[in-house]
Amino acid sequence: MVGKNCFAIASDRRLGVQLQTIATDFQRISKIHDRVFLGLSGLGTDAQTLYQRLVFRHKLYQLREERDMKPETFANLVSALLYEKRFGPYFCQPVIAGLGDEDKPFICTMDSIGAKELAKDFVVAGTASEFLYGACESMFKEDMEPEELFETVSQALLSSVDRDCLSGWGGHVYVVTPTEVKERILKGRMD
């Protein structure tokens, strides 16, 4: 979800196989660099493999270009990497969030073969996405400050995952501004 020169990216903490919970502290959000974050919902092993390949490609880009990728460029990299494997795809739904030029927030998500969905307000992915759409649509406001954005994202996430038996166990939220990155762990009903 975007705010005024900031963005928030959040996920639940449950790792499961269908209705069986394997872990309650699974990390789905990864920092690519200070201004770009990646969330990967879906199959845990595919998410870890995809993340490793993306970090490798980003490091090659840093060596060649001597700078970090812009969020739009990173989204194109993720899309191209997923499309390469379209006949045997990674079972992941990535969410990319970052701050671009002039600290303008950028968010997008894509399906497992790399078809991008760009948005100006919020994007969702995962098993609770139907519930997240409703909660985010009702709670989102334009130009939120970082603290208000954190509250909005947290309430939307927790209220949505409580309605989905395949997600939950609290949440993990990052709020990113041009000057700082705040990370917070949310306690859910089951904690």
C-alpha atoms as a PDB file:
ATOM      1  CA  MET A   1       0.000   0.000   0.000  1.00  0.00           C
ATOM      2  CA  VAL A   2       1.305   3.455  -0.826  1.00  0.00           C
ATOM      3  CA  GLY A   3       1.322   6.607   1.245  1.00  0.00           C
ATOM      4  CA  LYS A   4       2.734  10.080   0.868  1.00  0.00           C
ATOM      5  CA  ASN A   5       6.327   9.474  -0.326  1.00  0.00           C
ATOM      6  CA  CYS A   6       6.315   6.115   1.456  1.00  0.00           C
ATOM      7  CA  PHE A   7       4.995   2.587   1.136  1.00  0.00           C
ATOM      8  CA  ALA A   8       4.187  -0.362   3.364  1.00  0.00           C
ATOM      9  CA  ILE A   9       4.569  -4.035   2.558  1.00  0.00           C
ATOM     10  CA  ALA A  10       3.105  -6.677   4.843  1.00  0.00           C
ATOM     11  CA  SER A  11       2.543 -10.422   5.034  1.00  0.00           C
ATOM     12  CA  ASP A  12       1.274 -13.049   7.405  1.00  0.00           C
ATOM     13  CA  ARG A  13       3.717 -15.383   9.164  1.00  0.00           C
ATOM     14  CA  ARG A  14       2.169 -18.818   8.563  1.00  0.00           C
ATOM     15  CA  LEU A  15       3.886 -21.507   6.517  1.00  0.00           C
ATOM     16  CA  GLY A  16       1.602 -24.418   5.875  1.00  0.00           C
ATOM     17  CA  VAL A  17       0.787 -27.390   3.732  1.00  0.00           C
ATOM     18  CA  GLN A  18      -2.935 -27.147   3.098  1.00  0.00           C
ATOM     19  CA  LEU A  19      -4.519 -27.108   6.580  1.00  0.00           C
ATOM     20  CA  GLN A  20      -1.375 -28.213   8.441  1.00  0.00           C
ATOM     21  CA  THR A  21       0.741 -25.410   9.930  1.00  0.00           C
ATOM     22  CA  ILE A  22       4.487 -26.035   9.572  1.00  0.00           C
ATOM     23  CA  ALA A  23       5.867 -22.763  10.988  1.00  0.00           C
ATOM     24  CA  THR A  24       4.475 -19.588  12.522  1.00  0.00           C
ATOM     25  CA  ASP A  25       7.411 -17.290  11.818  1.00  0.00           C
ATOM     26  CA  PHE A  26       7.964 -17.667   8.062  1.00  0.00           C
ATOM     27  CA  GLN A  27       9.551 -14.657   6.352  1.00  0.00           C
ATOM     28  CA  ARG A  28       7.869 -13.773   3.037  1.00  0.00           C
ATOM     29  CA  ILE A  29       9.224 -10.239   2.605  1.00  0.00           C
ATOM     30  CA  SER A  30      12.796  -9.634   1.488  1.00  0.00           C
ATOM     31  CA  LYS A  31      14.832  -6.478   1.156  1.00  0.00           C
ATOM     32  CA  ILE A  32      16.510  -6.181  -2.230  1.00  0.00           C
ATOM     33  CA  HIS A  33      18.052  -2.836  -1.296  1.00  0.00           C
ATOM     34  CA  ASP A  34      17.010   0.124   0.895  1.00  0.00           C
ATOM     35  CA  ARG A  35      14.344   1.307  -1.546  1.00  0.00           C
ATOM     36  CA  VAL A  36      13.008  -1.966  -3.038  1.00  0.00           C
ATOM     37  CA  PHE A  37      11.276  -4.817  -1.203  1.00  0.00           C
ATOM     38  CA  LEU A  38       9.914  -8.095  -2.527  1.00  0.00           C
ATOM     39  CA  GLY A  39       7.085 -10.163  -1.085  1.00  0.00           C
ATOM     40  CA  LEU A  40       6.629 -13.734  -2.312  1.00  0.00           C
ATOM     41  CA  SER A  41       3.442 -15.644  -1.559  1.00  0.00           C
ATOM     42  CA  GLY A  42       3.024 -19.216  -2.677  1.00  0.00           C
ATOM     43  CA  LEU A  43       5.092 -22.368  -2.389  1.00  0.00           C
ATOM     44  CA  GLY A  44       7.853 -21.777   0.183  1.00  0.00           C
ATOM     45  CA  THR A  45      10.625 -23.623  -1.660  1.00  0.00           C
ATOM     46  CA  ASP A  46       9.864 -21.878  -4.947  1.00  0.00           C
ATOM     47  CA  ALA A  47       9.813 -18.522  -3.142  1.00  0.00           C
ATOM     48  CA  GLN A  48      13.267 -19.161  -1.676  1.00  0.00           C
ATOM     49  CA  THR A  49      14.675 -20.304  -5.028  1.00  0.00           C
ATOM     50  CA  LEU A  50      13.195 -17.337  -6.876  1.00  0.00           C
ATOM     51  CA  TYR A  51      14.522 -14.933  -4.236  1.00  0.00           C
ATOM     52  CA  GLN A  52      18.047 -16.356  -4.565  1.00  0.00           C
ATOM     53  CA  ARG A  53      17.965 -16.002  -8.359  1.00  0.00           C
ATOM     54  CA  LEU A  54      16.697 -12.420  -8.094  1.00  0.00           C
ATOM     55  CA  VAL A  55      19.401 -11.437  -5.585  1.00  0.00           C
ATOM     56  CA  PHE A  56      22.017 -12.950  -7.908  1.00  0.00           C
ATOM     57  CA  ARG A  57      20.702 -10.969 -10.888  1.00  0.00           C
ATOM     58  CA  HIS A  58      20.503  -7.769  -8.842  1.00  0.00           C
ATOM     59  CA  LYS A  59      24.120  -8.172  -7.724  1.00  0.00           C
ATOM     60  CA  LEU A  60      25.193  -8.641 -11.349  1.00  0.00           C
ATOM     61  CA  TYR A  61      23.296  -5.451 -12.223  1.00  0.00           C
ATOM     62  CA  GLN A  62      25.059  -3.598  -9.376  1.00  0.00           C
ATOM     63  CA  LEU A  63      28.465  -4.741 -10.634  1.00  0.00           C
ATOM     64  CA  ARG A  64      27.742  -3.787 -14.220  1.00  0.00           C
ATOM     65  CA  GLU A  65      25.846  -0.510 -13.652  1.00  0.00           C
ATOM     66  CA  GLU A  66      27.412   0.563 -10.326  1.00  0.00           C
ATOM     67  CA  ARG A  67      23.998   1.470  -8.889  1.00  0.00           C
ATOM     68  CA  ASP A  68      20.897  -0.194  -7.473  1.00  0.00           C
ATOM     69  CA  MET A  69      17.913  -1.077  -9.624  1.00  0.00           C
ATOM     70  CA  LYS A  70      14.928   1.215  -9.737  1.00  0.00           C
ATOM     71  CA  PRO A  71      11.681  -0.469  -8.642  1.00  0.00           C
ATOM     72  CA  GLU A  72      10.322  -0.457 -12.199  1.00  0.00           C
ATOM     73  CA  THR A  73      13.484  -2.129 -13.508  1.00  0.00           C
ATOM     74  CA  PHE A  74      13.367  -4.727 -10.754  1.00  0.00           C
ATOM     75  CA  ALA A  75       9.705  -5.463 -11.583  1.00  0.00           C
ATOM     76  CA  ASN A  76      10.694  -6.023 -15.215  1.00  0.00           C
ATOM     77  CA  LEU A  77      13.475  -8.376 -14.087  1.00  0.00           C
ATOM     78  CA  VAL A  78      11.041 -10.403 -11.944  1.00  0.00           C
ATOM     79  CA  SER A  79       8.523 -10.541 -14.798  1.00  0.00           C
ATOM     80  CA  ALA A  80      11.152 -11.707 -17.311  1.00  0.00           C
ATOM     81  CA  LEU A  81      12.518 -14.331 -14.920  1.00  0.00           C
ATOM     82  CA  LEU A  82       9.037 -15.736 -14.292  1.00  0.00           C
ATOM     83  CA  TYR A  83       8.177 -15.734 -17.998  1.00  0.00           C
ATOM     84  CA  GLU A  84      11.339 -17.743 -18.766  1.00  0.00           C
ATOM     85  CA  LYS A  85       9.840 -20.561 -16.679  1.00  0.00           C
ATOM     86  CA  ARG A  86       6.265 -20.254 -18.015  1.00  0.00           C
ATOM     87  CA  PHE A  87       6.001 -23.955 -18.951  1.00  0.00           C
ATOM     88  CA  GLY A  88       7.177 -25.085 -15.502  1.00  0.00           C
ATOM     89  CA  PRO A  89       6.503 -21.988 -13.417  1.00  0.00           C
ATOM     90  CA  TYR A  90       7.531 -21.067  -9.928  1.00  0.00           C
ATOM     91  CA  PHE A  91       4.393 -21.330  -7.809  1.00  0.00           C
ATOM     92  CA  CYS A  92       4.798 -17.797  -6.475  1.00  0.00           C
ATOM     93  CA  GLN A  93       2.940 -14.551  -6.692  1.00  0.00           C
ATOM     94  CA  PRO A  94       5.440 -11.704  -6.222  1.00  0.00           C
ATOM     95  CA  VAL A  95       4.646  -8.265  -4.822  1.00  0.00           C
ATOM     96  CA  ILE A  96       7.222  -5.561  -5.566  1.00  0.00           C
ATOM     97  CA  ALA A  97       7.243  -2.278  -3.665  1.00  0.00           C
ATOM     98  CA  GLY A  98       9.779   0.509  -3.877  1.00  0.00           C
ATOM     99  CA  LEU A  99      10.557   4.188  -3.957  1.00  0.00           C
ATOM    100  CA  GLY A 100      11.475   5.476  -7.391  1.00  0.00           C
ATOM    101  CA  ASP A 101      12.627   8.825  -8.682  1.00  0.00           C
ATOM    102  CA  GLU A 102      11.643  11.811  -6.524  1.00  0.00           C
ATOM    103  CA  ASP A 103      10.599   9.343  -3.782  1.00  0.00           C
ATOM    104  CA  LYS A 104       7.482   8.315  -5.702  1.00  0.00           C
ATOM    105  CA  PRO A 105       6.131   4.968  -4.443  1.00  0.00           C
ATOM    106  CA  PHE A 106       5.866   2.103  -6.920  1.00  0.00           C
ATOM    107  CA  ILE A 107       3.904  -1.104  -6.310  1.00  0.00           C
ATOM    108  CA  CYS A 108       2.996  -4.020  -8.509  1.00  0.00           C
ATOM    109  CA  THR A 109       2.183  -7.692  -8.352  1.00  0.00           C
ATOM    110  CA  MET A 110       2.213 -10.408 -10.959  1.00  0.00           C
ATOM    111  CA  ASP A 111       1.006 -13.924 -11.531  1.00  0.00           C
ATOM    112  CA  SER A 112       3.228 -16.988 -11.672  1.00  0.00           C
ATOM    113  CA  ILE A 113       4.208 -16.390 -15.318  1.00  0.00           C
ATOM    114  CA  GLY A 114       5.103 -12.720 -14.910  1.00  0.00           C
ATOM    115  CA  ALA A 115       2.011 -10.809 -16.080  1.00  0.00           C
ATOM    116  CA  LYS A 116       2.261  -7.503 -14.195  1.00  0.00           C
ATOM    117  CA  GLU A 117      -0.571  -5.724 -12.430  1.00  0.00           C
ATOM    118  CA  LEU A 118       0.369  -2.122 -11.652  1.00  0.00           C
ATOM    119  CA  ALA A 119      -1.577  -0.028  -9.153  1.00  0.00           C
ATOM    120  CA  LYS A 120      -1.459   3.423  -7.615  1.00  0.00           C
ATOM    121  CA  ASP A 121      -2.997   2.536  -4.235  1.00  0.00           C
ATOM    122  CA  PHE A 122      -2.478  -1.112  -3.166  1.00  0.00           C
ATOM    123  CA  VAL A 123      -1.851  -4.621  -4.465  1.00  0.00           C
ATOM    124  CA  VAL A 124      -2.495  -7.990  -2.824  1.00  0.00           C
ATOM    125  CA  ALA A 125      -1.438 -11.606  -3.342  1.00  0.00           C
ATOM    126  CA  GLY A 126      -1.868 -14.986  -1.701  1.00  0.00           C
ATOM    127  CA  THR A 127      -4.657 -17.125  -0.312  1.00  0.00           C
ATOM    128  CA  ALA A 128      -6.336 -14.265   1.566  1.00  0.00           C
ATOM    129  CA  SER A 129      -6.299 -11.921  -1.447  1.00  0.00           C
ATOM    130  CA  GLU A 130     -10.099 -11.822  -1.800  1.00  0.00           C
ATOM    131  CA  PHE A 131     -10.438 -10.698   1.800  1.00  0.00           C
ATOM    132  CA  LEU A 132      -7.505  -8.300   1.473  1.00  0.00           C
ATOM    133  CA  TYR A 133      -9.079  -6.538  -1.520  1.00  0.00           C
ATOM    134  CA  GLY A 134     -12.190  -5.724   0.481  1.00  0.00           C
ATOM    135  CA  ALA A 135     -10.322  -4.588   3.583  1.00  0.00           C
ATOM    136  CA  CYS A 136      -7.828  -2.471   1.633  1.00  0.00           C
ATOM    137  CA  GLU A 137     -10.541  -0.850  -0.502  1.00  0.00           C
ATOM    138  CA  SER A 138     -12.506   0.172   2.563  1.00  0.00           C
ATOM    139  CA  MET A 139      -9.495   1.418   4.594  1.00  0.00           C
ATOM    140  CA  PHE A 140      -7.249   3.060   1.978  1.00  0.00           C
ATOM    141  CA  LYS A 141      -6.895   6.858   1.890  1.00  0.00           C
ATOM    142  CA  GLU A 142      -4.738   9.039  -0.347  1.00  0.00           C
ATOM    143  CA  ASP A 143      -1.458  10.531   0.937  1.00  0.00           C
ATOM    144  CA  MET A 144      -1.208   8.770   4.303  1.00  0.00           C
ATOM    145  CA  GLU A 145       1.756   9.568   6.529  1.00  0.00           C
ATOM    146  CA  PRO A 146       3.953   6.603   7.611  1.00  0.00           C
ATOM    147  CA  GLU A 147       2.284   6.006  11.001  1.00  0.00           C
ATOM    148  CA  GLU A 148      -1.230   6.150   9.564  1.00  0.00           C
ATOM    149  CA  LEU A 149      -0.125   3.885   6.715  1.00  0.00           C
ATOM    150  CA  PHE A 150       1.238   1.351   9.220  1.00  0.00           C
ATOM    151  CA  GLU A 151      -2.052   1.334  11.135  1.00  0.00           C
ATOM    152  CA  THR A 152      -4.099   0.951   7.958  1.00  0.00           C
ATOM    153  CA  VAL A 153      -1.975  -1.877   6.541  1.00  0.00           C
ATOM    154  CA  SER A 154      -1.874  -3.680   9.882  1.00  0.00           C
ATOM    155  CA  GLN A 155      -5.638  -3.519  10.384  1.00  0.00           C
ATOM    156  CA  ALA A 156      -6.318  -4.609   6.796  1.00  0.00           C
ATOM    157  CA  LEU A 157      -3.886  -7.541   7.070  1.00  0.00           C
ATOM    158  CA  LEU A 158      -5.039  -8.811  10.450  1.00  0.00           C
ATOM    159  CA  SER A 159      -8.747  -8.507   9.680  1.00  0.00           C
ATOM    160  CA  SER A 160      -8.266 -10.323   6.359  1.00  0.00           C
ATOM    161  CA  VAL A 161      -6.118 -13.232   7.516  1.00  0.00           C
ATOM    162  CA  ASP A 162      -8.540 -13.865  10.388  1.00  0.00           C
ATOM    163  CA  ARG A 163     -11.131 -14.710   7.717  1.00  0.00           C
ATOM    164  CA  ASP A 164      -8.877 -17.178   5.864  1.00  0.00           C
ATOM    165  CA  CYS A 165      -7.916 -20.503   7.467  1.00  0.00           C
ATOM    166  CA  LEU A 166      -4.862 -20.888   5.190  1.00  0.00           C
ATOM    167  CA  SER A 167      -3.099 -17.771   6.472  1.00  0.00           C
ATOM    168  CA  GLY A 168      -2.495 -16.006   9.738  1.00  0.00           C
ATOM    169  CA  TRP A 169      -0.313 -16.185  12.850  1.00  0.00           C
ATOM    170  CA  GLY A 170       0.196 -12.436  12.995  1.00  0.00           C
ATOM    171  CA  GLY A 171       1.971 -10.305  10.474  1.00  0.00           C
ATOM    172  CA  HIS A 172       5.228  -8.766   9.391  1.00  0.00           C
ATOM    173  CA  VAL A 173       5.109  -5.125   8.253  1.00  0.00           C
ATOM    174  CA  TYR A 174       7.746  -2.862   6.713  1.00  0.00           C
ATOM    175  CA  VAL A 175       7.082   0.860   6.309  1.00  0.00           C
ATOM    176  CA  VAL A 176       9.650   2.486   4.028  1.00  0.00           C
ATOM    177  CA  THR A 177      10.253   6.226   3.736  1.00  0.00           C
ATOM    178  CA  PRO A 178      13.091   8.014   1.902  1.00  0.00           C
ATOM    179  CA  THR A 179      15.054   8.229   5.161  1.00  0.00           C
ATOM    180  CA  GLU A 180      14.231   5.042   7.093  1.00  0.00           C
ATOM    181  CA  VAL A 181      12.872   1.501   7.090  1.00  0.00           C
ATOM    182  CA  LYS A 182      10.680   0.463  10.023  1.00  0.00           C
ATOM    183  CA  GLU A 183      10.033  -3.228  10.590  1.00  0.00           C
ATOM    184  CA  ARG A 184       7.337  -4.452  12.980  1.00  0.00           C
ATOM    185  CA  ILE A 185       5.955  -7.843  13.961  1.00  0.00           C
ATOM    186  CA  LEU A 186       2.198  -8.026  14.590  1.00  0.00           C
ATOM    187  CA  LYS A 187       0.631 -10.472  16.993  1.00  0.00           C
ATOM    188  CA  GLY A 188      -2.419 -12.266  15.652  1.00  0.00           C
ATOM    189  CA  ARG A 189      -5.292 -14.045  17.389  1.00  0.00           C
ATOM    190  CA  MET A 190      -3.404 -17.346  17.470  1.00  0.00           C
ATOM    191  CA  ASP A 191      -0.179 -15.962  19.068  1.00  0.00           C
END
